[in-house]
Amino acid sequence: MRTEDMASDERKKEIEEIRMRALLKCKDGQELKGTTDQFVCGKCRKRECTYYQMQTRSADEPMTTYVTCVSCNHHWMFC
């Protein structure tokens, strides 16, 4: 038997609440980024997107741009 199985009903409720708060914190814990209308989402066709750039290849190649749609959470990348 696990220690969680031996806990009282009150403690089980507390544990479940802690898990739910942690789950929401992980899901919503991402920093709020500014949006741009520079990109059009290929899925919902809206212009509310966030993006960041990262150097993924050699220095003489362009940076890779990662874009995420704020409305439908569709994400894509391009160079």
N, C-alpha and C. Protein backbone atom coordinates (compact mmCIF):
# COMPACT_ATOMS: atom_id res chain seq x y z
N MET A 1 0.83 -1.18 0.00
CA MET A 1 0.00 0.00 0.00
C MET A 1 0.88 1.25 0.00
N ARG A 2 0.47 2.24 -0.78
CA ARG A 2 1.23 3.49 -0.83
C ARG A 2 0.81 4.40 0.31
N THR A 3 1.67 5.35 0.64
CA THR A 3 1.34 6.29 1.71
C THR A 3 0.13 7.14 1.35
N GLU A 4 -0.04 7.44 0.06
CA GLU A 4 -1.20 8.22 -0.37
C GLU A 4 -2.50 7.46 -0.12
N ASP A 5 -2.47 6.14 -0.25
CA ASP A 5 -3.66 5.33 -0.03
C ASP A 5 -4.06 5.30 1.45
N MET A 6 -3.09 5.46 2.34
CA MET A 6 -3.37 5.42 3.77
C MET A 6 -3.79 6.78 4.33
N ALA A 7 -3.72 7.84 3.54
CA ALA A 7 -4.05 9.17 4.02
C ALA A 7 -5.55 9.30 4.29
N SER A 8 -5.88 10.22 5.17
CA SER A 8 -7.29 10.46 5.48
C SER A 8 -7.96 11.15 4.29
N ASP A 9 -9.28 11.19 4.32
CA ASP A 9 -10.02 11.81 3.22
C ASP A 9 -9.68 13.30 3.11
N GLU A 10 -9.51 13.97 4.24
CA GLU A 10 -9.14 15.38 4.23
C GLU A 10 -7.79 15.58 3.55
N ARG A 11 -6.85 14.72 3.91
CA ARG A 11 -5.51 14.84 3.34
C ARG A 11 -5.52 14.54 1.85
N LYS A 12 -6.34 13.58 1.43
CA LYS A 12 -6.45 13.26 -0.01
C LYS A 12 -6.97 14.46 -0.79
N LYS A 13 -7.95 15.19 -0.20
CA LYS A 13 -8.48 16.38 -0.85
C LYS A 13 -7.41 17.45 -0.96
N GLU A 14 -6.64 17.64 0.12
CA GLU A 14 -5.55 18.61 0.10
C GLU A 14 -4.51 18.27 -0.97
N ILE A 15 -4.15 17.01 -1.05
CA ILE A 15 -3.17 16.57 -2.05
C ILE A 15 -3.68 16.84 -3.46
N GLU A 16 -4.96 16.55 -3.70
CA GLU A 16 -5.56 16.78 -5.01
C GLU A 16 -5.58 18.27 -5.36
N GLU A 17 -5.89 19.13 -4.38
CA GLU A 17 -5.87 20.57 -4.59
C GLU A 17 -4.46 21.06 -4.92
N ILE A 18 -3.48 20.53 -4.22
CA ILE A 18 -2.08 20.91 -4.47
C ILE A 18 -1.68 20.50 -5.89
N ARG A 19 -2.08 19.31 -6.30
CA ARG A 19 -1.76 18.84 -7.66
C ARG A 19 -2.42 19.72 -8.72
N MET A 20 -3.68 20.09 -8.50
CA MET A 20 -4.39 20.92 -9.46
C MET A 20 -3.76 22.31 -9.56
N ARG A 21 -3.37 22.90 -8.41
CA ARG A 21 -2.70 24.20 -8.44
C ARG A 21 -1.37 24.11 -9.18
N ALA A 22 -0.62 23.04 -8.95
CA ALA A 22 0.66 22.86 -9.62
C ALA A 22 0.46 22.69 -11.13
N LEU A 23 -0.57 21.95 -11.51
CA LEU A 23 -0.86 21.76 -12.92
C LEU A 23 -1.21 23.08 -13.59
N LEU A 24 -2.05 23.87 -12.95
CA LEU A 24 -2.42 25.18 -13.52
C LEU A 24 -1.22 26.11 -13.57
N LYS A 25 -0.38 26.04 -12.55
CA LYS A 25 0.81 26.89 -12.52
C LYS A 25 1.75 26.53 -13.67
N CYS A 26 1.90 25.24 -13.95
CA CYS A 26 2.75 24.81 -15.06
C CYS A 26 2.16 25.25 -16.39
N LYS A 27 0.85 25.09 -16.52
CA LYS A 27 0.19 25.43 -17.77
C LYS A 27 0.21 26.92 -18.03
N ASP A 28 -0.09 27.72 -17.01
CA ASP A 28 -0.17 29.17 -17.17
C ASP A 28 1.11 29.87 -16.73
N GLY A 29 2.11 29.14 -16.33
CA GLY A 29 3.31 29.73 -15.78
C GLY A 29 4.24 30.36 -16.80
N GLN A 30 3.91 30.23 -18.05
CA GLN A 30 4.76 30.81 -19.06
C GLN A 30 4.65 32.34 -18.99
N GLU A 31 5.74 32.99 -19.26
CA GLU A 31 5.74 34.44 -19.22
C GLU A 31 4.83 34.99 -20.31
N LEU A 32 4.14 36.05 -20.00
CA LEU A 32 3.29 36.69 -20.98
C LEU A 32 4.18 37.45 -21.95
N LYS A 33 4.05 37.14 -23.22
CA LYS A 33 4.88 37.76 -24.23
C LYS A 33 4.04 38.78 -24.99
N GLY A 34 4.70 39.72 -25.61
CA GLY A 34 4.00 40.68 -26.43
C GLY A 34 3.52 40.02 -27.71
N THR A 35 2.42 40.50 -28.22
CA THR A 35 1.90 39.94 -29.46
C THR A 35 2.26 40.85 -30.63
N THR A 36 2.22 40.30 -31.81
CA THR A 36 2.51 41.05 -33.02
C THR A 36 1.50 40.67 -34.10
N ASP A 37 1.31 41.55 -35.05
CA ASP A 37 0.45 41.24 -36.19
C ASP A 37 1.29 41.01 -37.45
N GLN A 38 2.55 40.74 -37.25
CA GLN A 38 3.48 40.56 -38.36
C GLN A 38 3.26 39.22 -39.07
N PHE A 39 2.73 38.21 -38.36
CA PHE A 39 2.56 36.87 -38.93
C PHE A 39 1.07 36.52 -38.98
N VAL A 40 0.69 35.72 -39.98
CA VAL A 40 -0.69 35.24 -40.10
C VAL A 40 -0.69 33.75 -39.80
N CYS A 41 -1.57 33.33 -38.90
CA CYS A 41 -1.68 31.92 -38.54
C CYS A 41 -2.25 31.15 -39.72
N GLY A 42 -1.63 30.05 -40.07
CA GLY A 42 -2.10 29.23 -41.17
C GLY A 42 -3.33 28.41 -40.82
N LYS A 43 -3.63 28.30 -39.53
CA LYS A 43 -4.76 27.49 -39.10
C LYS A 43 -6.04 28.33 -38.94
N CYS A 44 -5.97 29.42 -38.17
CA CYS A 44 -7.17 30.22 -37.90
C CYS A 44 -7.18 31.54 -38.66
N ARG A 45 -6.10 31.87 -39.35
CA ARG A 45 -5.96 33.08 -40.16
C ARG A 45 -5.98 34.38 -39.37
N LYS A 46 -5.76 34.32 -38.07
CA LYS A 46 -5.70 35.53 -37.26
C LYS A 46 -4.27 36.05 -37.23
N ARG A 47 -4.12 37.30 -36.83
CA ARG A 47 -2.80 37.93 -36.81
C ARG A 47 -2.32 38.22 -35.39
N GLU A 48 -2.70 37.42 -34.42
CA GLU A 48 -2.23 37.59 -33.04
C GLU A 48 -1.23 36.48 -32.76
N CYS A 49 0.04 36.81 -32.79
CA CYS A 49 1.08 35.79 -32.62
C CYS A 49 2.18 36.32 -31.71
N THR A 50 2.86 35.40 -31.08
CA THR A 50 4.10 35.70 -30.36
C THR A 50 5.22 34.99 -31.10
N TYR A 51 6.43 35.49 -30.95
CA TYR A 51 7.55 34.83 -31.62
C TYR A 51 8.84 35.07 -30.85
N TYR A 52 9.80 34.20 -31.13
CA TYR A 52 11.16 34.40 -30.64
C TYR A 52 12.11 33.81 -31.67
N GLN A 53 13.34 34.25 -31.63
CA GLN A 53 14.34 33.78 -32.59
C GLN A 53 15.49 33.12 -31.85
N MET A 54 16.05 32.10 -32.51
CA MET A 54 17.16 31.37 -31.92
C MET A 54 18.14 30.97 -33.03
N GLN A 55 19.40 31.06 -32.72
CA GLN A 55 20.43 30.64 -33.68
C GLN A 55 20.58 29.12 -33.56
N THR A 56 20.06 28.37 -34.53
CA THR A 56 20.08 26.91 -34.45
C THR A 56 21.10 26.29 -35.39
N ARG A 57 21.60 27.06 -36.33
CA ARG A 57 22.59 26.53 -37.26
C ARG A 57 23.86 27.35 -37.15
N SER A 58 24.74 27.23 -38.12
CA SER A 58 26.02 27.93 -38.02
C SER A 58 25.82 29.44 -38.08
N ALA A 59 26.85 30.16 -37.72
CA ALA A 59 26.75 31.61 -37.57
C ALA A 59 26.48 32.33 -38.88
N ASP A 60 26.86 31.74 -40.01
CA ASP A 60 26.62 32.42 -41.28
C ASP A 60 25.23 32.13 -41.86
N GLU A 61 24.41 31.37 -41.16
CA GLU A 61 23.03 31.08 -41.57
C GLU A 61 22.07 32.01 -40.81
N PRO A 62 20.89 32.26 -41.35
CA PRO A 62 19.95 33.13 -40.63
C PRO A 62 19.39 32.45 -39.38
N MET A 63 18.86 33.26 -38.48
CA MET A 63 18.27 32.73 -37.26
C MET A 63 16.95 32.04 -37.58
N THR A 64 16.57 31.06 -36.76
CA THR A 64 15.29 30.38 -36.91
C THR A 64 14.26 31.13 -36.07
N THR A 65 13.11 31.42 -36.65
CA THR A 65 12.04 32.13 -35.97
C THR A 65 10.94 31.15 -35.59
N TYR A 66 10.57 31.13 -34.32
CA TYR A 66 9.51 30.28 -33.81
C TYR A 66 8.30 31.16 -33.52
N VAL A 67 7.15 30.83 -34.11
CA VAL A 67 5.94 31.64 -33.99
C VAL A 67 4.83 30.80 -33.37
N THR A 68 4.05 31.39 -32.45
CA THR A 68 2.91 30.72 -31.82
C THR A 68 1.70 31.63 -31.91
N CYS A 69 0.59 31.09 -32.38
CA CYS A 69 -0.66 31.84 -32.47
C CYS A 69 -1.27 31.93 -31.07
N VAL A 70 -1.67 33.12 -30.67
CA VAL A 70 -2.26 33.34 -29.35
C VAL A 70 -3.67 32.76 -29.31
N SER A 71 -4.40 32.81 -30.41
CA SER A 71 -5.80 32.38 -30.43
C SER A 71 -5.95 30.87 -30.38
N CYS A 72 -5.24 30.15 -31.27
CA CYS A 72 -5.46 28.70 -31.36
C CYS A 72 -4.25 27.87 -30.93
N ASN A 73 -3.16 28.51 -30.49
CA ASN A 73 -1.95 27.85 -30.01
C ASN A 73 -1.24 27.03 -31.08
N HIS A 74 -1.51 27.32 -32.33
CA HIS A 74 -0.79 26.67 -33.43
C HIS A 74 0.62 27.27 -33.48
N HIS A 75 1.64 26.44 -33.66
CA HIS A 75 2.99 26.98 -33.71
C HIS A 75 3.73 26.42 -34.92
N TRP A 76 4.64 27.24 -35.44
CA TRP A 76 5.44 26.88 -36.60
C TRP A 76 6.76 27.62 -36.52
N MET A 77 7.68 27.24 -37.39
CA MET A 77 8.98 27.87 -37.42
C MET A 77 9.41 28.07 -38.87
N PHE A 78 10.29 29.02 -39.08
CA PHE A 78 10.88 29.24 -40.40
C PHE A 78 12.22 29.91 -40.23
N CYS A 79 13.00 29.89 -41.29
CA CYS A 79 14.33 30.50 -41.26
C CYS A 79 14.35 31.82 -41.97
